[in-house]
Amino acid sequence: MRYTFLTYSRPEDFANVPPEELGQLKGLFGAYIGDLKAAGILVATDWLQPVSTATTVSEGGNRIQDGPFAESKETLGGYMTVEVPDLDTAISWAKKCPMAKYGAVEIRPTAMDG
């Protein structure tokens, strides 16, 4: 079954992090993604630019605004889609994601499997 891990964080939590610490965090993510690949379960992954770069289209396309649709404390930073046997396995992998320590990882089953 496919699950997508949506990673969330609060931008202010990373605003004053020194570049070397951000480099270490990127290294943790690189290792985690490497582990997902080595296990043969990674389907897709991508990281998003900051929410300040977003453009939102709503109201049937009649409203276009810069930035996110709604103000929120946490913003979506990226995703990883994995193919694993069940939710328990997905949870065990999500717990290993660095963002589980620094923010949050939401797990959602995909609507179309495969």
C-alpha atoms as a PDB file:
ATOM      1  CA  MET A   1       0.000   0.000   0.000  1.00  0.00           C
ATOM      2  CA  ARG A   2       1.211   3.508  -0.749  1.00  0.00           C
ATOM      3  CA  TYR A   3       1.439   6.190   1.904  1.00  0.00           C
ATOM      4  CA  THR A   4       2.605   9.769   1.570  1.00  0.00           C
ATOM      5  CA  PHE A   5       4.510  11.407   4.393  1.00  0.00           C
ATOM      6  CA  LEU A   6       3.821  15.149   4.446  1.00  0.00           C
ATOM      7  CA  THR A   7       6.486  17.023   6.383  1.00  0.00           C
ATOM      8  CA  TYR A   8       5.551  20.151   8.319  1.00  0.00           C
ATOM      9  CA  SER A   9       7.572  22.666  10.264  1.00  0.00           C
ATOM     10  CA  ARG A  10       7.291  26.174  11.610  1.00  0.00           C
ATOM     11  CA  PRO A  11       9.451  28.536   9.537  1.00  0.00           C
ATOM     12  CA  GLU A  12      10.431  30.545  12.618  1.00  0.00           C
ATOM     13  CA  ASP A  13      11.995  27.413  14.125  1.00  0.00           C
ATOM     14  CA  PHE A  14      14.612  27.475  11.359  1.00  0.00           C
ATOM     15  CA  ALA A  15      14.997  31.237  10.886  1.00  0.00           C
ATOM     16  CA  ASN A  16      18.010  31.556  13.187  1.00  0.00           C
ATOM     17  CA  VAL A  17      19.607  28.149  12.714  1.00  0.00           C
ATOM     18  CA  PRO A  18      23.282  28.511  11.767  1.00  0.00           C
ATOM     19  CA  PRO A  19      24.181  27.305   8.248  1.00  0.00           C
ATOM     20  CA  GLU A  20      26.288  24.428   9.586  1.00  0.00           C
ATOM     21  CA  GLU A  21      23.309  23.069  11.548  1.00  0.00           C
ATOM     22  CA  LEU A  22      21.087  23.351   8.464  1.00  0.00           C
ATOM     23  CA  GLY A  23      23.765  21.423   6.579  1.00  0.00           C
ATOM     24  CA  GLN A  24      23.667  18.705   9.233  1.00  0.00           C
ATOM     25  CA  LEU A  25      19.874  18.525   8.980  1.00  0.00           C
ATOM     26  CA  LYS A  26      20.092  18.213   5.196  1.00  0.00           C
ATOM     27  CA  GLY A  27      22.578  15.398   5.758  1.00  0.00           C
ATOM     28  CA  LEU A  28      20.091  13.627   8.049  1.00  0.00           C
ATOM     29  CA  PHE A  29      17.405  13.891   5.372  1.00  0.00           C
ATOM     30  CA  GLY A  30      19.814  12.631   2.733  1.00  0.00           C
ATOM     31  CA  ALA A  31      20.625   9.604   4.875  1.00  0.00           C
ATOM     32  CA  TYR A  32      16.938   8.969   5.594  1.00  0.00           C
ATOM     33  CA  ILE A  33      16.031   9.109   1.901  1.00  0.00           C
ATOM     34  CA  GLY A  34      18.984   6.820   1.203  1.00  0.00           C
ATOM     35  CA  ASP A  35      17.567   4.349   3.735  1.00  0.00           C
ATOM     36  CA  LEU A  36      14.132   4.482   2.067  1.00  0.00           C
ATOM     37  CA  LYS A  37      15.772   3.807  -1.313  1.00  0.00           C
ATOM     38  CA  ALA A  38      17.919   0.984   0.077  1.00  0.00           C
ATOM     39  CA  ALA A  39      14.792  -0.639   1.528  1.00  0.00           C
ATOM     40  CA  GLY A  40      13.190  -0.438  -1.916  1.00  0.00           C
ATOM     41  CA  ILE A  41      10.117   1.409  -0.646  1.00  0.00           C
ATOM     42  CA  LEU A  42      10.622   4.987  -1.904  1.00  0.00           C
ATOM     43  CA  VAL A  43       8.226   5.880  -4.720  1.00  0.00           C
ATOM     44  CA  ALA A  44       8.780   9.664  -4.902  1.00  0.00           C
ATOM     45  CA  THR A  45      10.032  12.623  -2.878  1.00  0.00           C
ATOM     46  CA  ASP A  46      10.372  16.358  -3.290  1.00  0.00           C
ATOM     47  CA  TRP A  47      11.007  19.462  -1.202  1.00  0.00           C
ATOM     48  CA  LEU A  48       9.097  22.691  -1.561  1.00  0.00           C
ATOM     49  CA  GLN A  49      10.276  26.284  -1.622  1.00  0.00           C
ATOM     50  CA  PRO A  50       9.227  28.388   1.412  1.00  0.00           C
ATOM     51  CA  VAL A  51       5.522  29.170   1.740  1.00  0.00           C
ATOM     52  CA  SER A  52       6.315  32.831   1.046  1.00  0.00           C
ATOM     53  CA  THR A  53       6.899  31.820  -2.606  1.00  0.00           C
ATOM     54  CA  ALA A  54       3.419  30.261  -2.958  1.00  0.00           C
ATOM     55  CA  THR A  55       0.642  31.503  -5.216  1.00  0.00           C
ATOM     56  CA  THR A  56      -2.884  30.382  -4.351  1.00  0.00           C
ATOM     57  CA  VAL A  57      -5.759  30.125  -6.821  1.00  0.00           C
ATOM     58  CA  SER A  58      -9.256  29.870  -5.315  1.00  0.00           C
ATOM     59  CA  GLU A  59     -12.907  30.771  -5.850  1.00  0.00           C
ATOM     60  CA  GLY A  60     -13.067  28.934  -9.161  1.00  0.00           C
ATOM     61  CA  GLY A  61      -9.936  30.655 -10.397  1.00  0.00           C
ATOM     62  CA  ASN A  62     -11.329  34.118  -9.761  1.00  0.00           C
ATOM     63  CA  ARG A  63      -9.031  34.824  -6.844  1.00  0.00           C
ATOM     64  CA  ILE A  64      -5.251  34.685  -7.111  1.00  0.00           C
ATOM     65  CA  GLN A  65      -3.136  35.654  -4.129  1.00  0.00           C
ATOM     66  CA  ASP A  66       0.519  35.560  -3.254  1.00  0.00           C
ATOM     67  CA  GLY A  67       1.356  33.306  -0.351  1.00  0.00           C
ATOM     68  CA  PRO A  68      -0.516  30.473   1.326  1.00  0.00           C
ATOM     69  CA  PHE A  69      -4.285  30.040   1.302  1.00  0.00           C
ATOM     70  CA  ALA A  70      -4.540  30.279   5.084  1.00  0.00           C
ATOM     71  CA  GLU A  71      -2.319  31.459   7.874  1.00  0.00           C
ATOM     72  CA  SER A  72      -0.974  28.548   9.860  1.00  0.00           C
ATOM     73  CA  LYS A  73       1.791  27.905  12.343  1.00  0.00           C
ATOM     74  CA  GLU A  74       3.202  24.949  10.444  1.00  0.00           C
ATOM     75  CA  THR A  75       3.849  24.841   6.722  1.00  0.00           C
ATOM     76  CA  LEU A  76       4.198  21.967   4.287  1.00  0.00           C
ATOM     77  CA  GLY A  77       7.851  21.529   3.388  1.00  0.00           C
ATOM     78  CA  GLY A  78       7.857  18.402   1.276  1.00  0.00           C
ATOM     79  CA  TYR A  79       6.698  14.848   0.870  1.00  0.00           C
ATOM     80  CA  MET A  80       7.859  11.282   0.513  1.00  0.00           C
ATOM     81  CA  THR A  81       5.671   8.551  -0.959  1.00  0.00           C
ATOM     82  CA  VAL A  82       6.495   5.017   0.103  1.00  0.00           C
ATOM     83  CA  GLU A  83       5.112   1.599  -0.718  1.00  0.00           C
ATOM     84  CA  VAL A  84       4.876  -0.606   2.366  1.00  0.00           C
ATOM     85  CA  PRO A  85       2.655  -3.496   3.489  1.00  0.00           C
ATOM     86  CA  ASP A  86       0.583  -1.609   6.089  1.00  0.00           C
ATOM     87  CA  LEU A  87       0.080   1.487   8.251  1.00  0.00           C
ATOM     88  CA  ASP A  88       2.203   0.110  11.096  1.00  0.00           C
ATOM     89  CA  THR A  89       5.174  -0.150   8.742  1.00  0.00           C
ATOM     90  CA  ALA A  90       4.507   3.371   7.452  1.00  0.00           C
ATOM     91  CA  ILE A  91       4.427   4.664  11.028  1.00  0.00           C
ATOM     92  CA  SER A  92       7.736   2.990  11.849  1.00  0.00           C
ATOM     93  CA  TRP A  93       9.371   4.678   8.835  1.00  0.00           C
ATOM     94  CA  ALA A  94       7.757   8.058   9.592  1.00  0.00           C
ATOM     95  CA  LYS A  95       9.180   7.930  13.128  1.00  0.00           C
ATOM     96  CA  LYS A  96      12.671   7.717  11.577  1.00  0.00           C
ATOM     97  CA  CYS A  97      12.125  10.851   9.474  1.00  0.00           C
ATOM     98  CA  PRO A  98      14.163  13.794  10.789  1.00  0.00           C
ATOM     99  CA  MET A  99      11.092  16.027  10.603  1.00  0.00           C
ATOM    100  CA  ALA A 100       9.393  13.829  13.221  1.00  0.00           C
ATOM    101  CA  LYS A 101      11.913  15.377  15.650  1.00  0.00           C
ATOM    102  CA  TYR A 102      11.978  18.924  14.274  1.00  0.00           C
ATOM    103  CA  GLY A 103       8.336  19.326  13.199  1.00  0.00           C
ATOM    104  CA  ALA A 104       5.675  16.832  12.203  1.00  0.00           C
ATOM    105  CA  VAL A 105       5.117  14.048   9.687  1.00  0.00           C
ATOM    106  CA  GLU A 106       1.551  13.456   8.558  1.00  0.00           C
ATOM    107  CA  ILE A 107       0.907  10.005   7.054  1.00  0.00           C
ATOM    108  CA  ARG A 108      -1.829   9.646   4.464  1.00  0.00           C
ATOM    109  CA  PRO A 109      -2.746   6.609   2.407  1.00  0.00           C
ATOM    110  CA  THR A 110      -2.840   7.455  -1.270  1.00  0.00           C
ATOM    111  CA  ALA A 111      -6.179   7.435  -3.054  1.00  0.00           C
ATOM    112  CA  MET A 112      -4.792   5.447  -5.990  1.00  0.00           C
ATOM    113  CA  ASP A 113      -2.528   2.537  -5.176  1.00  0.00           C
ATOM    114  CA  GLY A 114       0.088   1.870  -7.838  1.00  0.00           C
END
